[in-house]
Protein backbone atom coordinates (compact mmCIF):
# COMPACT_ATOMS: atom_id res chain seq x y z
CA MET A 1 0.00 0.00 0.00
CA SER A 2 1.45 3.39 -1.00
CA LYS A 3 1.87 6.01 1.70
CA GLN A 4 -0.22 9.18 1.58
CA PRO A 5 2.13 12.08 0.78
CA LYS A 6 2.63 14.54 3.61
CA SER A 7 0.63 17.72 3.10
CA LYS A 8 2.56 20.88 2.31
CA VAL A 9 -0.35 23.09 3.41
CA PHE A 10 0.05 24.75 6.82
CA PRO A 11 -2.60 26.75 8.69
CA ASP A 12 -0.53 29.91 9.13
CA ALA A 13 2.94 31.45 9.38
CA ALA A 14 3.42 30.30 12.98
CA ALA A 15 3.03 26.67 11.98
CA ALA A 16 5.08 27.02 8.81
CA LEU A 17 8.01 28.64 10.63
CA HIS A 18 7.85 26.57 13.81
CA ASP A 19 11.44 25.33 13.51
CA VAL A 20 13.34 28.55 12.73
CA PHE A 21 16.39 28.57 14.98
CA ASP A 22 19.03 30.97 16.29
CA GLY A 23 21.64 31.66 13.63
CA ALA A 24 19.46 30.53 10.73
CA ALA A 25 20.16 31.84 7.21
CA ILE A 26 16.96 33.17 5.67
CA MET A 27 16.38 34.27 2.07
CA SER A 28 13.54 36.74 1.55
CA GLY A 29 12.04 37.27 -1.91
CA GLY A 30 10.47 40.27 -3.56
CA PHE A 31 11.89 43.65 -4.51
CA GLY A 32 12.00 46.50 -2.04
CA LEU A 33 8.67 46.26 -0.21
CA CYS A 34 7.01 44.71 -3.27
CA GLY A 35 6.26 41.02 -2.79
CA ASN A 36 7.38 40.86 0.83
CA ALA A 37 6.25 37.78 2.73
CA GLU A 38 4.52 39.98 5.31
CA ASN A 39 3.02 37.15 7.37
CA CYS A 40 6.37 35.36 7.58
CA ILE A 41 8.23 38.53 8.54
CA ALA A 42 5.68 39.27 11.27
CA GLU A 43 6.11 35.74 12.62
CA LEU A 44 9.91 36.05 12.65
CA ALA A 45 9.46 39.28 14.59
CA ARG A 46 7.26 37.46 17.10
CA ARG A 47 9.61 34.51 17.56
CA ASP A 48 12.73 34.45 19.73
CA ALA A 49 15.18 33.35 17.01
CA ARG A 50 18.16 35.72 16.83
CA ARG A 51 21.56 36.11 15.15
CA LEU A 52 19.86 35.62 11.80
CA THR A 53 21.58 35.97 8.44
CA ILE A 54 19.23 37.69 6.01
CA ILE A 55 19.80 37.31 2.28
CA SER A 56 17.64 39.77 0.36
CA ASN A 57 17.92 42.64 -2.05
CA ASN A 58 17.70 45.32 0.63
CA CYS A 59 16.55 43.90 4.01
CA GLY A 60 13.54 46.18 4.23
CA ASN A 61 13.03 49.85 3.52
CA ALA A 62 11.63 52.94 5.21
CA GLY A 63 11.33 51.07 8.50
CA LYS A 64 9.07 48.41 7.03
CA GLY A 65 9.42 44.83 5.82
CA LEU A 66 12.54 43.10 7.06
CA ALA A 67 13.59 46.34 8.77
CA ILE A 68 11.37 45.24 11.66
CA LEU A 69 13.87 42.47 12.42
CA LEU A 70 16.70 45.01 12.33
CA GLN A 71 14.86 47.20 14.82
CA GLN A 72 14.55 44.20 17.13
CA ARG A 73 18.30 43.51 16.81
CA LYS A 74 17.62 39.98 15.58
CA VAL A 75 19.91 40.17 12.54
CA ALA A 76 23.64 39.44 12.72
CA LYS A 77 24.46 39.60 9.01
CA VAL A 78 22.89 40.92 5.83
CA ILE A 79 23.85 39.86 2.32
CA GLY A 80 22.22 42.24 -0.16
CA SER A 81 22.73 44.76 -2.91
CA PHE A 82 21.07 47.97 -1.71
CA ILE A 83 20.89 49.75 1.64
CA GLY A 84 19.62 53.15 0.50
CA GLY A 85 16.30 54.02 2.11
CA ASN A 86 17.01 51.68 5.02
CA PRO A 87 18.13 53.87 7.94
CA ASP A 88 18.02 50.96 10.40
CA LEU A 89 20.56 48.97 8.41
CA GLN A 90 22.70 52.02 7.70
CA ALA A 91 22.90 52.98 11.38
CA GLN A 92 23.79 49.47 12.57
CA MET A 93 26.34 49.03 9.80
CA LEU A 94 28.10 52.32 10.59
CA ALA A 95 28.09 51.46 14.31
CA GLY A 96 29.70 48.09 13.62
CA GLU A 97 26.73 46.28 15.15
CA ILE A 98 25.94 44.17 12.10
CA GLU A 99 27.93 42.52 9.32
CA VAL A 100 26.94 43.64 5.83
CA GLU A 101 28.10 41.98 2.63
CA LEU A 102 27.22 44.19 -0.31
CA CYS A 103 26.84 42.38 -3.61
CA PRO A 104 26.01 43.77 -7.06
CA GLN A 105 22.38 43.06 -7.77
CA GLY A 106 22.90 40.84 -10.81
CA THR A 107 25.67 38.97 -9.01
CA LEU A 108 23.39 38.46 -6.00
CA ALA A 109 20.69 36.95 -8.21
CA GLU A 110 23.19 34.67 -9.92
CA ARG A 111 24.78 33.57 -6.64
CA ILE A 112 21.34 32.52 -5.40
CA ARG A 113 20.61 30.73 -8.68
CA ALA A 114 23.98 28.97 -8.48
CA GLY A 115 23.11 27.74 -5.00
CA GLY A 116 19.79 26.44 -6.23
CA VAL A 117 21.06 24.54 -9.26
CA GLY A 118 24.16 23.10 -7.61
CA LEU A 119 26.92 25.16 -9.23
CA GLY A 120 30.17 25.60 -7.35
CA GLY A 121 30.41 29.26 -8.32
CA PHE A 122 30.87 31.38 -11.42
CA PHE A 123 33.19 33.99 -12.89
CA THR A 124 31.90 37.49 -13.58
CA PRO A 125 33.59 40.76 -14.62
CA THR A 126 31.30 42.74 -12.31
CA GLY A 127 33.19 44.14 -9.35
CA VAL A 128 36.71 43.55 -10.68
CA GLY A 129 39.09 46.17 -9.29
CA THR A 130 36.70 47.16 -6.47
CA VAL A 131 36.18 46.12 -2.86
CA VAL A 132 33.74 43.51 -4.17
CA ALA A 133 36.69 41.49 -5.49
CA GLU A 134 38.86 41.72 -2.37
CA GLY A 135 40.00 38.29 -1.19
CA LYS A 136 38.40 36.48 -4.13
CA GLU A 137 40.02 34.47 -6.88
CA THR A 138 40.37 36.23 -10.22
CA ARG A 139 41.06 34.79 -13.63
CA VAL A 140 41.81 36.25 -17.06
CA ILE A 141 39.55 34.77 -19.74
CA ASP A 142 39.95 35.92 -23.37
CA GLY A 143 41.93 38.90 -22.16
CA ARG A 144 39.37 40.07 -19.62
CA THR A 145 39.62 39.75 -15.83
CA TYR A 146 36.85 37.96 -13.97
CA VAL A 147 36.20 37.40 -10.26
CA LEU A 148 34.95 34.14 -8.80
CA GLU A 149 31.69 34.43 -6.89
CA ALA A 150 30.48 31.70 -4.53
CA PRO A 151 26.93 30.29 -4.51
CA LEU A 152 24.46 31.25 -1.81
CA LYS A 153 22.23 28.83 0.09
CA ALA A 154 19.93 29.19 3.08
CA ASP A 155 18.14 27.23 5.76
CA PHE A 156 14.82 28.89 4.91
CA ALA A 157 13.33 30.99 2.15
CA ILE A 158 10.29 33.14 2.92
CA ILE A 159 8.38 33.95 -0.24
CA ARG A 160 5.07 35.49 -1.28
CA ALA A 161 3.24 34.46 -4.43
CA GLU A 162 -0.07 35.59 -5.87
CA TYR A 163 -1.39 32.09 -6.53
CA GLY A 164 -0.37 28.69 -5.23
CA ASP A 165 -1.87 25.21 -5.00
CA PRO A 166 -1.53 22.49 -2.34
CA PHE A 167 1.48 20.96 -4.11
CA GLY A 168 3.29 24.31 -4.04
CA ASN A 169 3.05 25.27 -7.70
CA LEU A 170 3.31 29.07 -7.77
CA ARG A 171 2.44 32.04 -9.92
CA PHE A 172 3.86 35.44 -9.00
CA LYS A 173 2.67 38.95 -9.79
CA GLY A 174 4.97 41.43 -11.51
CA THR A 175 8.19 42.39 -9.75
CA ALA A 176 7.12 40.41 -6.68
CA ARG A 177 8.61 37.51 -8.63
CA ASN A 178 12.13 38.98 -8.34
CA PHE A 179 14.59 36.60 -6.62
CA SER A 180 11.77 34.39 -5.31
CA PRO A 181 11.94 31.29 -7.58
CA GLN A 182 15.73 31.11 -7.23
CA MET A 183 15.50 31.51 -3.45
CA ALA A 184 13.05 28.63 -3.16
CA MET A 185 15.49 26.46 -5.08
CA ALA A 186 18.47 27.54 -2.95
CA ALA A 187 16.86 27.02 0.46
CA ARG A 188 16.57 23.80 2.43
CA THR A 189 13.00 24.75 3.36
CA ALA A 190 10.94 27.08 1.17
CA VAL A 191 8.02 28.63 3.05
CA VAL A 192 5.48 30.33 0.81
CA GLU A 193 2.51 32.50 1.66
CA VAL A 194 0.01 33.12 -1.11
CA ASP A 195 -2.69 35.68 -1.79
CA HIS A 196 -4.85 32.90 -3.20
CA LEU A 197 -4.54 29.22 -2.30
CA VAL A 198 -6.36 27.43 -5.12
CA PRO A 199 -7.26 23.76 -5.66
CA LEU A 200 -4.75 21.47 -7.33
CA GLY A 201 -5.18 21.60 -11.11
CA GLU A 202 -6.56 25.14 -11.23
CA LEU A 203 -3.23 26.62 -12.34
CA SER A 204 -2.44 25.98 -15.98
CA GLY A 205 1.00 24.52 -16.59
CA ASP A 206 1.85 27.53 -18.77
CA ASP A 207 1.03 29.88 -15.88
CA ILE A 208 3.27 28.23 -13.28
CA HIS A 209 6.43 30.23 -12.57
CA LEU A 210 7.85 27.79 -10.01
CA PRO A 211 7.04 24.06 -9.82
CA GLY A 212 5.93 22.78 -6.44
CA VAL A 213 8.85 20.37 -6.21
CA PHE A 214 10.88 23.31 -4.87
CA VAL A 215 8.33 24.25 -2.18
CA GLN A 216 8.10 22.47 1.18
CA ARG A 217 5.46 24.55 2.99
CA ILE A 218 2.62 26.79 1.83
CA PHE A 219 -0.19 28.68 3.55
CA GLN A 220 -2.91 31.23 2.85
CA GLY A 221 -1.66 34.72 3.68
CA ARG A 222 -3.89 37.38 5.20
CA ASP A 223 -4.14 41.03 6.33
CA TYR A 224 -1.62 42.44 3.84
CA GLU A 225 -0.50 46.05 4.20
CA ASP A 226 1.24 46.22 0.80
CA ALA A 227 3.14 49.34 1.86
CA ILE A 228 4.22 51.81 -0.80
CA GLU A 229 7.79 53.04 -0.42
CA TYR A 230 7.42 56.35 -2.23
CA ARG A 231 3.94 57.48 -3.20
CA THR A 232 4.08 59.71 -6.27
CA THR A 233 0.96 61.35 -7.65
CA ARG A 234 0.17 63.89 -10.31
CA PRO A 235 -1.94 66.96 -9.55
CA ARG A 236 -5.47 66.83 -10.91
CA PRO A 237 -5.76 68.80 -14.17
CA GLU A 238 -7.61 72.08 -13.82
CA GLY A 239 -10.84 72.76 -15.64
C-alpha cells in the first residue's frame, strides 16, 4: 500500500516557521517592499530566534518589511545589494553592530541561482578592481579579468506568491517575482505565503512560474498592508 504524501499546506505562518532557529540563514524574496512575505516577517518578529543571516535585495526599507527584524536587533548579518532608504541597516552598519556583505544586484541573483542549481560558483567581470573582489580568486579569460563568486544557500526561504496550490506550484505577480523562484530552489525549506490558495489543477502549466517540487510549505496569507515606499501622484488637471 502506498503512503499518503505529507501535506505541504500549513494553517498559518506560525506553523510554517515553527522550527526557525538561532543563527538561521533566511532568504527573503520580492523587490524592495514589493512582494514581501509579510506574514512570515511578522512571525519572525514574534519569535525568539536571533543572530539571523538575512539574504535579500535590501533587508527592508523605510522602517518596514525586514527592517522590523533590524529594529529588534535579531539580525547578525545581511547579504544584499542595496541599503539606500534603510536607515536601520545604515545605522547598525556604521556602528559596527551588524555585518553587511554588499553584492552587485545581478551577481546576487546569480549567486542565489547557483546555489539552487548546484553550481560551485561562477566567474563574472562585475566588481573587478573594487572592494567587491577583495580576497576572491580572479582569472583572465579571453583577455578580460573575472572574479569568482560563490553560490548562496539558506536554511529557509520566505516567499510570497499571488497564486499557489496544495502541491506548491506558484504564480507570482509582476516584480514580486524577483529573486523568489531562485531563493526557493536555494533554500533547504521554502516557506510560501500566497494571496490565493487554489485547488490542485486550477493553475495551468503555462502559468506556473515555479514548480511545487521546490516548495516544502505553503499557507494562505492574510491582512496584507502592501506598503508603498514612495507614493508619487500627479496633480489633478484644472478645468
